[in-house]
C-alpha cells in the first residue's frame, strides 16, 4: 500500500468548509490525512485554498467538477484544478434519469470522452464518479455503467464502493474489471435503516471494505478517498473514526 495515499472528500464536511475551509484543512492534516478531494473551496478562493494546502502539508488528490460547470467554462474549471495542484478532474454526478435513456446516455458518454481528451492534453486525468443508478439502469442486459465506460475509453473510473454495492454489484469485482483504469477509489460504508440506505463510518455498515481495499493496489489505485454523504455526528469526528479504522486495518495486513 506504500504507493496509495489516503484522502477525504470534502463534501463530507461541506457545512464546516462553507465558513471555515482553512480550519477544516488544518484539522484534517492534524488527523493524519495525506490529501483532500475538493468539491468547491468553501469560503476561500482557489488561491487561498492552495496556500493553506501548502502551509499544512496536504495534497489536492482530485477535484469534483459538475457537468454544468464544465459546460459553462471548461477551461476556467480545469484551470482551477491546476491551481489547486490536483491531477484528477472528476465529474461527480449527473441526472439519474439520463441513464435510462440510451441515446442520451451515450451522448453524455461522448461528452465525457471529449472532456477527458481535452483534460489529458493539459496533463491531467479525467474521471467519472458513480452512484447506484448506473447499475440500476440496464440496456440489453448491460449496465449503464459499463456502457458509459465502454463508450468513453479515455475516462477513468472513480469507483464509489458503497454506491456500487447499493447498485447490486460487488465492488471488488468491479475494481478488477477496470484494473488499470481506476486511480481513485471512494471508500464509503452504508447500511439499510427503515428501508433506506444510510451512509455510516467505515466498518460500521454492510460493504465489504476489506475486499475492496485488498484489491486497490492490484488495480493501480493511487488514492483511497474516505467519504460519508451524511454523518450521524460531527463530520470531523466521523472522518477521524473512519481514518482510524482504515489505518488500523491497513496496519494489520501483511506487507
C-alpha atoms as a PDB file:
ATOM      1  CA  UNK A   1       0.000   0.000   0.000  1.00  0.00           C
ATOM      2  CA  UNK A   2       3.045   2.273   0.015  1.00  0.00           C
ATOM      3  CA  UNK A   3       2.075   3.836  -3.315  1.00  0.00           C
ATOM      4  CA  UNK A   4      -1.522   4.533  -2.268  1.00  0.00           C
ATOM      5  CA  UNK A   5      -2.446   7.683  -0.385  1.00  0.00           C
ATOM      6  CA  UNK A   6      -5.421   8.290   1.894  1.00  0.00           C
ATOM      7  CA  UNK A   7      -7.610  11.318   1.338  1.00  0.00           C
ATOM      8  CA  UNK A   8     -11.054  12.575   2.263  1.00  0.00           C
ATOM      9  CA  UNK A   9     -13.803  14.006   0.078  1.00  0.00           C
ATOM     10  CA  UNK A  10     -14.605  17.464   1.413  1.00  0.00           C
ATOM     11  CA  UNK A  11     -18.287  17.082   0.538  1.00  0.00           C
ATOM     12  CA  UNK A  12     -18.439  15.134   3.800  1.00  0.00           C
ATOM     13  CA  UNK A  13     -17.514  18.356   5.615  1.00  0.00           C
ATOM     14  CA  UNK A  14     -19.499  20.774   3.445  1.00  0.00           C
ATOM     15  CA  UNK A  15     -21.254  22.512   6.334  1.00  0.00           C
ATOM     16  CA  UNK A  16     -17.920  23.242   8.022  1.00  0.00           C
ATOM     17  CA  UNK A  17     -15.976  24.245   4.901  1.00  0.00           C
ATOM     18  CA  UNK A  18     -18.694  26.727   3.942  1.00  0.00           C
ATOM     19  CA  UNK A  19     -17.485  29.026   6.738  1.00  0.00           C
ATOM     20  CA  UNK A  20     -14.044  27.668   7.753  1.00  0.00           C
ATOM     21  CA  UNK A  21     -12.267  25.820   4.963  1.00  0.00           C
ATOM     22  CA  UNK A  22      -8.851  26.759   6.354  1.00  0.00           C
ATOM     23  CA  UNK A  23      -9.688  25.392   9.792  1.00  0.00           C
ATOM     24  CA  UNK A  24     -11.027  22.156   8.335  1.00  0.00           C
ATOM     25  CA  UNK A  25      -7.909  21.625   6.226  1.00  0.00           C
ATOM     26  CA  UNK A  26      -5.701  22.185   9.260  1.00  0.00           C
ATOM     27  CA  UNK A  27      -7.731  19.687  11.281  1.00  0.00           C
ATOM     28  CA  UNK A  28      -7.560  17.086   8.522  1.00  0.00           C
ATOM     29  CA  UNK A  29      -3.795  17.452   8.277  1.00  0.00           C
ATOM     30  CA  UNK A  30      -3.539  17.046  12.038  1.00  0.00           C
ATOM     31  CA  UNK A  31      -5.737  13.956  11.978  1.00  0.00           C
ATOM     32  CA  UNK A  32      -3.360  12.351   9.505  1.00  0.00           C
ATOM     33  CA  UNK A  33      -4.946  12.551   6.076  1.00  0.00           C
ATOM     34  CA  UNK A  34      -2.499  12.887   3.187  1.00  0.00           C
ATOM     35  CA  UNK A  35      -4.845  14.807   0.941  1.00  0.00           C
ATOM     36  CA  UNK A  36      -8.321  16.041   0.164  1.00  0.00           C
ATOM     37  CA  UNK A  37     -10.681  15.819  -2.759  1.00  0.00           C
ATOM     38  CA  UNK A  38     -12.332  19.158  -3.378  1.00  0.00           C
ATOM     39  CA  UNK A  39     -15.997  19.796  -4.101  1.00  0.00           C
ATOM     40  CA  UNK A  40     -15.615  23.561  -4.198  1.00  0.00           C
ATOM     41  CA  UNK A  41     -13.342  25.607  -1.962  1.00  0.00           C
ATOM     42  CA  UNK A  42     -15.883  26.752   0.609  1.00  0.00           C
ATOM     43  CA  UNK A  43     -15.305  30.247   1.929  1.00  0.00           C
ATOM     44  CA  UNK A  44     -11.848  30.513   0.344  1.00  0.00           C
ATOM     45  CA  UNK A  45     -10.748  31.445  -3.131  1.00  0.00           C
ATOM     46  CA  UNK A  46      -8.892  28.802  -5.088  1.00  0.00           C
ATOM     47  CA  UNK A  47      -5.635  30.656  -4.480  1.00  0.00           C
ATOM     48  CA  UNK A  48      -6.294  30.879  -0.744  1.00  0.00           C
ATOM     49  CA  UNK A  49      -7.168  27.186  -0.551  1.00  0.00           C
ATOM     50  CA  UNK A  50      -3.936  26.258  -2.325  1.00  0.00           C
ATOM     51  CA  UNK A  51      -1.946  28.388   0.104  1.00  0.00           C
ATOM     52  CA  UNK A  52      -3.488  26.576   3.073  1.00  0.00           C
ATOM     53  CA  UNK A  53      -2.769  23.187   1.492  1.00  0.00           C
ATOM     54  CA  UNK A  54       0.867  24.128   1.076  1.00  0.00           C
ATOM     55  CA  UNK A  55       1.052  25.505   4.605  1.00  0.00           C
ATOM     56  CA  UNK A  56      -0.352  22.397   6.309  1.00  0.00           C
ATOM     57  CA  UNK A  57       1.230  19.812   4.009  1.00  0.00           C
ATOM     58  CA  UNK A  58      -1.911  18.420   2.398  1.00  0.00           C
ATOM     59  CA  UNK A  59      -2.204  17.440  -1.258  1.00  0.00           C
ATOM     60  CA  UNK A  60      -5.149  18.015  -3.544  1.00  0.00           C
ATOM     61  CA  UNK A  61      -5.991  14.460  -4.551  1.00  0.00           C
ATOM     62  CA  UNK A  62      -8.663  15.425  -7.074  1.00  0.00           C
ATOM     63  CA  UNK A  63     -11.457  17.897  -7.701  1.00  0.00           C
ATOM     64  CA  UNK A  64     -15.124  17.171  -8.290  1.00  0.00           C
ATOM     65  CA  UNK A  65     -16.387  19.473 -11.026  1.00  0.00           C
ATOM     66  CA  UNK A  66     -20.016  19.265 -12.105  1.00  0.00           C
ATOM     67  CA  UNK A  67     -21.091  18.823 -15.697  1.00  0.00           C
ATOM     68  CA  UNK A  68     -22.802  22.225 -15.647  1.00  0.00           C
ATOM     69  CA  UNK A  69     -19.546  23.940 -14.682  1.00  0.00           C
ATOM     70  CA  UNK A  70     -17.604  22.044 -17.338  1.00  0.00           C
ATOM     71  CA  UNK A  71     -20.144  23.014 -19.976  1.00  0.00           C
ATOM     72  CA  UNK A  72     -20.204  26.643 -18.908  1.00  0.00           C
ATOM     73  CA  UNK A  73     -16.439  27.209 -18.756  1.00  0.00           C
ATOM     74  CA  UNK A  74     -14.326  24.121 -19.268  1.00  0.00           C
ATOM     75  CA  UNK A  75     -11.012  25.974 -19.463  1.00  0.00           C
ATOM     76  CA  UNK A  76     -11.766  28.003 -16.355  1.00  0.00           C
ATOM     77  CA  UNK A  77     -12.847  24.950 -14.375  1.00  0.00           C
ATOM     78  CA  UNK A  78      -9.753  22.967 -15.303  1.00  0.00           C
ATOM     79  CA  UNK A  79      -7.526  25.953 -14.582  1.00  0.00           C
ATOM     80  CA  UNK A  80      -8.844  25.962 -11.017  1.00  0.00           C
ATOM     81  CA  UNK A  81      -7.994  22.276 -10.680  1.00  0.00           C
ATOM     82  CA  UNK A  82      -4.493  23.031 -11.924  1.00  0.00           C
ATOM     83  CA  UNK A  83      -4.123  25.896  -9.455  1.00  0.00           C
ATOM     84  CA  UNK A  84      -5.067  23.606  -6.580  1.00  0.00           C
ATOM     85  CA  UNK A  85      -2.381  21.162  -7.734  1.00  0.00           C
ATOM     86  CA  UNK A  86      -4.719  18.226  -8.333  1.00  0.00           C
ATOM     87  CA  UNK A  87      -4.032  15.656 -11.037  1.00  0.00           C
ATOM     88  CA  UNK A  88      -7.635  14.486 -11.469  1.00  0.00           C
ATOM     89  CA  UNK A  89     -10.771  16.226 -12.708  1.00  0.00           C
ATOM     90  CA  UNK A  90     -13.824  14.200 -11.693  1.00  0.00           C
ATOM     91  CA  UNK A  91     -17.387  14.567 -12.930  1.00  0.00           C
ATOM     92  CA  UNK A  92     -19.259  13.565  -9.761  1.00  0.00           C
ATOM     93  CA  UNK A  93     -22.895  13.220 -10.771  1.00  0.00           C
ATOM     94  CA  UNK A  94     -25.497  13.566 -13.495  1.00  0.00           C
ATOM     95  CA  UNK A  95     -29.288  13.354 -13.567  1.00  0.00           C
ATOM     96  CA  UNK A  96     -30.081   9.666 -12.890  1.00  0.00           C
ATOM     97  CA  UNK A  97     -32.893   9.705 -15.453  1.00  0.00           C
ATOM     98  CA  UNK A  98     -30.286  10.164 -18.169  1.00  0.00           C
ATOM     99  CA  UNK A  99     -29.054   6.599 -17.628  1.00  0.00           C
ATOM    100  CA  UNK A 100     -32.478   5.235 -18.593  1.00  0.00           C
ATOM    101  CA  UNK A 101     -32.460   6.983 -21.968  1.00  0.00           C
ATOM    102  CA  UNK A 102     -29.882   5.093 -24.039  1.00  0.00           C
ATOM    103  CA  UNK A 103     -29.306   7.707 -26.793  1.00  0.00           C
ATOM    104  CA  UNK A 104     -28.990  10.466 -24.194  1.00  0.00           C
ATOM    105  CA  UNK A 105     -26.684   8.309 -22.065  1.00  0.00           C
ATOM    106  CA  UNK A 106     -24.376   7.548 -24.967  1.00  0.00           C
ATOM    107  CA  UNK A 107     -24.330  11.229 -25.905  1.00  0.00           C
ATOM    108  CA  UNK A 108     -23.293  12.018 -22.331  1.00  0.00           C
ATOM    109  CA  UNK A 109     -20.538   9.404 -22.586  1.00  0.00           C
ATOM    110  CA  UNK A 110     -19.311  11.122 -25.753  1.00  0.00           C
ATOM    111  CA  UNK A 111     -19.292  14.429 -23.891  1.00  0.00           C
ATOM    112  CA  UNK A 112     -17.246  12.894 -21.076  1.00  0.00           C
ATOM    113  CA  UNK A 113     -14.814  11.447 -23.595  1.00  0.00           C
ATOM    114  CA  UNK A 114     -14.306  14.852 -25.200  1.00  0.00           C
ATOM    115  CA  UNK A 115     -13.615  16.377 -21.785  1.00  0.00           C
ATOM    116  CA  UNK A 116     -11.242  13.532 -20.958  1.00  0.00           C
ATOM    117  CA  UNK A 117      -9.234  14.060 -24.115  1.00  0.00           C
ATOM    118  CA  UNK A 118      -9.078  17.813 -23.554  1.00  0.00           C
ATOM    119  CA  UNK A 119      -8.044  17.252 -19.941  1.00  0.00           C
ATOM    120  CA  UNK A 120      -5.326  14.811 -20.965  1.00  0.00           C
ATOM    121  CA  UNK A 121      -3.957  17.381 -23.406  1.00  0.00           C
ATOM    122  CA  UNK A 122      -3.346  19.607 -20.379  1.00  0.00           C
ATOM    123  CA  UNK A 123      -1.508  16.889 -18.471  1.00  0.00           C
ATOM    124  CA  UNK A 124      -4.395  15.953 -16.173  1.00  0.00           C
ATOM    125  CA  UNK A 125      -6.657  12.910 -15.913  1.00  0.00           C
ATOM    126  CA  UNK A 126     -10.458  12.929 -16.177  1.00  0.00           C
ATOM    127  CA  UNK A 127     -12.669  10.507 -14.257  1.00  0.00           C
ATOM    128  CA  UNK A 128     -16.340   9.838 -13.580  1.00  0.00           C
ATOM    129  CA  UNK A 129     -17.739   9.029 -10.116  1.00  0.00           C
ATOM    130  CA  UNK A 130     -20.611   6.561  -9.896  1.00  0.00           C
ATOM    131  CA  UNK A 131     -23.712   6.293  -7.773  1.00  0.00           C
ATOM    132  CA  UNK A 132     -26.113   3.344  -7.768  1.00  0.00           C
ATOM    133  CA  UNK A 133     -28.288   4.423 -10.698  1.00  0.00           C
ATOM    134  CA  UNK A 134     -25.633   3.483 -13.253  1.00  0.00           C
ATOM    135  CA  UNK A 135     -26.206  -0.124 -12.176  1.00  0.00           C
ATOM    136  CA  UNK A 136     -29.973   0.136 -11.729  1.00  0.00           C
ATOM    137  CA  UNK A 137     -30.316   1.152 -15.387  1.00  0.00           C
ATOM    138  CA  UNK A 138     -29.671  -1.564 -17.974  1.00  0.00           C
ATOM    139  CA  UNK A 139     -29.919  -1.699 -21.749  1.00  0.00           C
ATOM    140  CA  UNK A 140     -30.000  -5.083 -23.484  1.00  0.00           C
ATOM    141  CA  UNK A 141     -28.611  -6.660 -20.325  1.00  0.00           C
ATOM    142  CA  UNK A 142     -25.691  -4.247 -19.984  1.00  0.00           C
ATOM    143  CA  UNK A 143     -25.339  -1.871 -17.054  1.00  0.00           C
ATOM    144  CA  UNK A 144     -25.360   1.813 -17.923  1.00  0.00           C
ATOM    145  CA  UNK A 145     -22.051   1.981 -16.012  1.00  0.00           C
ATOM    146  CA  UNK A 146     -20.345  -0.396 -18.441  1.00  0.00           C
ATOM    147  CA  UNK A 147     -21.921   1.219 -21.480  1.00  0.00           C
ATOM    148  CA  UNK A 148     -20.574   4.602 -20.415  1.00  0.00           C
ATOM    149  CA  UNK A 149     -17.013   3.461 -19.818  1.00  0.00           C
ATOM    150  CA  UNK A 150     -17.050   1.303 -22.934  1.00  0.00           C
ATOM    151  CA  UNK A 151     -18.094   4.302 -24.989  1.00  0.00           C
ATOM    152  CA  UNK A 152     -15.592   6.679 -23.341  1.00  0.00           C
ATOM    153  CA  UNK A 153     -12.223   4.874 -23.241  1.00  0.00           C
ATOM    154  CA  UNK A 154     -10.210   7.870 -22.028  1.00  0.00           C
ATOM    155  CA  UNK A 155     -12.437   8.424 -18.996  1.00  0.00           C
ATOM    156  CA  UNK A 156     -11.061   6.862 -15.823  1.00  0.00           C
ATOM    157  CA  UNK A 157     -13.106   5.316 -13.022  1.00  0.00           C
ATOM    158  CA  UNK A 158     -13.577   6.755  -9.565  1.00  0.00           C
ATOM    159  CA  UNK A 159     -15.366   3.776  -8.071  1.00  0.00           C
ATOM    160  CA  UNK A 160     -17.587   4.558  -5.116  1.00  0.00           C
ATOM    161  CA  UNK A 161     -17.667   1.169  -3.447  1.00  0.00           C
ATOM    162  CA  UNK A 162     -20.767   1.842  -1.360  1.00  0.00           C
ATOM    163  CA  UNK A 163     -22.880   3.007  -4.286  1.00  0.00           C
ATOM    164  CA  UNK A 164     -21.627   0.096  -6.371  1.00  0.00           C
ATOM    165  CA  UNK A 165     -22.729  -2.212  -3.549  1.00  0.00           C
ATOM    166  CA  UNK A 166     -26.095  -0.453  -3.367  1.00  0.00           C
ATOM    167  CA  UNK A 167     -26.427  -0.943  -7.125  1.00  0.00           C
ATOM    168  CA  UNK A 168     -26.182  -4.696  -6.657  1.00  0.00           C
ATOM    169  CA  UNK A 169     -22.641  -5.393  -7.856  1.00  0.00           C
ATOM    170  CA  UNK A 170     -19.539  -6.496  -5.958  1.00  0.00           C
ATOM    171  CA  UNK A 171     -17.078  -3.594  -5.612  1.00  0.00           C
ATOM    172  CA  UNK A 172     -14.025  -5.868  -5.614  1.00  0.00           C
ATOM    173  CA  UNK A 173     -15.126  -7.435  -8.896  1.00  0.00           C
ATOM    174  CA  UNK A 174     -15.622  -4.019 -10.483  1.00  0.00           C
ATOM    175  CA  UNK A 175     -12.238  -2.865  -9.313  1.00  0.00           C
ATOM    176  CA  UNK A 176     -10.744  -5.907 -11.020  1.00  0.00           C
ATOM    177  CA  UNK A 177     -12.870  -5.398 -14.125  1.00  0.00           C
ATOM    178  CA  UNK A 178     -11.489  -1.873 -14.504  1.00  0.00           C
ATOM    179  CA  UNK A 179      -7.937  -2.657 -13.422  1.00  0.00           C
ATOM    180  CA  UNK A 180      -5.501  -0.080 -14.722  1.00  0.00           C
ATOM    181  CA  UNK A 181      -8.328   2.378 -15.124  1.00  0.00           C
ATOM    182  CA  UNK A 182      -9.330   3.088 -11.511  1.00  0.00           C
ATOM    183  CA  UNK A 183      -6.870   5.533  -9.950  1.00  0.00           C
ATOM    184  CA  UNK A 184      -9.388   6.794  -7.385  1.00  0.00           C
ATOM    185  CA  UNK A 185     -11.477   4.695  -5.000  1.00  0.00           C
ATOM    186  CA  UNK A 186     -14.164   6.177  -2.788  1.00  0.00           C
ATOM    187  CA  UNK A 187     -14.225   4.267   0.481  1.00  0.00           C
ATOM    188  CA  UNK A 188     -17.718   4.594   1.880  1.00  0.00           C
ATOM    189  CA  UNK A 189     -19.887   2.362   4.015  1.00  0.00           C
ATOM    190  CA  UNK A 190     -23.646   2.092   4.354  1.00  0.00           C
ATOM    191  CA  UNK A 191     -26.409   0.030   5.823  1.00  0.00           C
ATOM    192  CA  UNK A 192     -30.164  -0.187   5.453  1.00  0.00           C
ATOM    193  CA  UNK A 193     -32.301   1.578   8.035  1.00  0.00           C
ATOM    194  CA  UNK A 194     -36.088   1.692   7.667  1.00  0.00           C
ATOM    195  CA  UNK A 195     -35.773   0.564   4.067  1.00  0.00           C
ATOM    196  CA  UNK A 196     -33.287   3.281   3.081  1.00  0.00           C
ATOM    197  CA  UNK A 197     -29.537   3.249   2.595  1.00  0.00           C
ATOM    198  CA  UNK A 198     -27.769   5.319   5.249  1.00  0.00           C
ATOM    199  CA  UNK A 199     -24.083   6.207   4.981  1.00  0.00           C
ATOM    200  CA  UNK A 200     -22.059   5.375   8.078  1.00  0.00           C
ATOM    201  CA  UNK A 201     -18.448   5.454   9.229  1.00  0.00           C
ATOM    202  CA  UNK A 202     -16.116   2.865   7.729  1.00  0.00           C
ATOM    203  CA  UNK A 203     -16.623  -0.680   9.040  1.00  0.00           C
ATOM    204  CA  UNK A 204     -19.993   0.214  10.562  1.00  0.00           C
ATOM    205  CA  UNK A 205     -22.072  -0.935   7.597  1.00  0.00           C
ATOM    206  CA  UNK A 206     -22.502  -3.809   5.190  1.00  0.00           C
ATOM    207  CA  UNK A 207     -19.997  -3.016   2.423  1.00  0.00           C
ATOM    208  CA  UNK A 208     -17.094  -5.458   2.108  1.00  0.00           C
ATOM    209  CA  UNK A 209     -14.455  -2.790   2.501  1.00  0.00           C
ATOM    210  CA  UNK A 210     -11.656  -5.243   3.280  1.00  0.00           C
ATOM    211  CA  UNK A 211     -12.002  -6.899  -0.126  1.00  0.00           C
ATOM    212  CA  UNK A 212     -12.056  -3.563  -1.931  1.00  0.00           C
ATOM    213  CA  UNK A 213      -9.022  -2.296  -0.034  1.00  0.00           C
ATOM    214  CA  UNK A 214      -7.114  -5.501  -0.781  1.00  0.00           C
ATOM    215  CA  UNK A 215      -7.900  -5.148  -4.484  1.00  0.00           C
ATOM    216  CA  UNK A 216      -6.932  -1.478  -4.707  1.00  0.00           C
ATOM    217  CA  UNK A 217      -3.148  -1.879  -5.101  1.00  0.00           C
ATOM    218  CA  UNK A 218      -3.576  -4.680  -7.625  1.00  0.00           C
ATOM    219  CA  UNK A 219      -5.655  -2.493  -9.961  1.00  0.00           C
ATOM    220  CA  UNK A 220      -3.398   0.552  -9.876  1.00  0.00           C
ATOM    221  CA  UNK A 221      -5.357   2.741  -7.465  1.00  0.00           C
ATOM    222  CA  UNK A 222      -3.464   5.820  -6.305  1.00  0.00           C
ATOM    223  CA  UNK A 223      -5.883   7.268  -3.761  1.00  0.00           C
ATOM    224  CA  UNK A 224      -8.296   5.785  -1.240  1.00  0.00           C
ATOM    225  CA  UNK A 225     -10.734   8.598  -0.533  1.00  0.00           C
ATOM    226  CA  UNK A 226     -12.950   8.470   2.546  1.00  0.00           C
ATOM    227  CA  UNK A 227     -16.441   9.876   2.085  1.00  0.00           C
ATOM    228  CA  UNK A 228     -19.627   9.875   4.140  1.00  0.00           C
ATOM    229  CA  UNK A 229     -22.559  11.598   2.469  1.00  0.00           C
ATOM    230  CA  UNK A 230     -24.435  12.199   5.718  1.00  0.00           C
ATOM    231  CA  UNK A 231     -22.979  11.853   9.207  1.00  0.00           C
ATOM    232  CA  UNK A 232     -24.771  10.925  12.414  1.00  0.00           C
ATOM    233  CA  UNK A 233     -22.390  13.079  14.488  1.00  0.00           C
ATOM    234  CA  UNK A 234     -19.867  15.875  13.901  1.00  0.00           C
ATOM    235  CA  UNK A 235     -18.399  15.077  10.455  1.00  0.00           C
ATOM    236  CA  UNK A 236     -14.869  15.736  11.709  1.00  0.00           C
ATOM    237  CA  UNK A 237     -15.408  13.068  14.344  1.00  0.00           C
ATOM    238  CA  UNK A 238     -16.742  10.714  11.675  1.00  0.00           C
ATOM    239  CA  UNK A 239     -13.803  11.144   9.303  1.00  0.00           C
ATOM    240  CA  UNK A 240     -11.421  10.778  12.256  1.00  0.00           C
ATOM    241  CA  UNK A 241     -13.049   7.481  13.207  1.00  0.00           C
ATOM    242  CA  UNK A 242     -13.018   6.254   9.609  1.00  0.00           C
ATOM    243  CA  UNK A 243      -9.342   7.096   9.186  1.00  0.00           C
ATOM    244  CA  UNK A 244      -8.538   5.384  12.470  1.00  0.00           C
ATOM    245  CA  UNK A 245     -10.228   2.185  11.340  1.00  0.00           C
ATOM    246  CA  UNK A 246      -8.606   2.366   7.902  1.00  0.00           C
ATOM    247  CA  UNK A 247      -5.100   2.814   9.289  1.00  0.00           C
ATOM    248  CA  UNK A 248      -5.645   0.019  11.801  1.00  0.00           C
ATOM    249  CA  UNK A 249      -6.920  -2.245   9.035  1.00  0.00           C
ATOM    250  CA  UNK A 250      -4.003  -1.429   6.746  1.00  0.00           C
ATOM    251  CA  UNK A 251      -1.575  -1.961   9.596  1.00  0.00           C
ATOM    252  CA  UNK A 252      -2.917  -5.458  10.166  1.00  0.00           C
ATOM    253  CA  UNK A 253      -2.317  -6.507   6.561  1.00  0.00           C
ATOM    254  CA  UNK A 254       0.808  -8.442   5.557  1.00  0.00           C
ATOM    255  CA  UNK A 255       3.494  -6.294   3.961  1.00  0.00           C
END
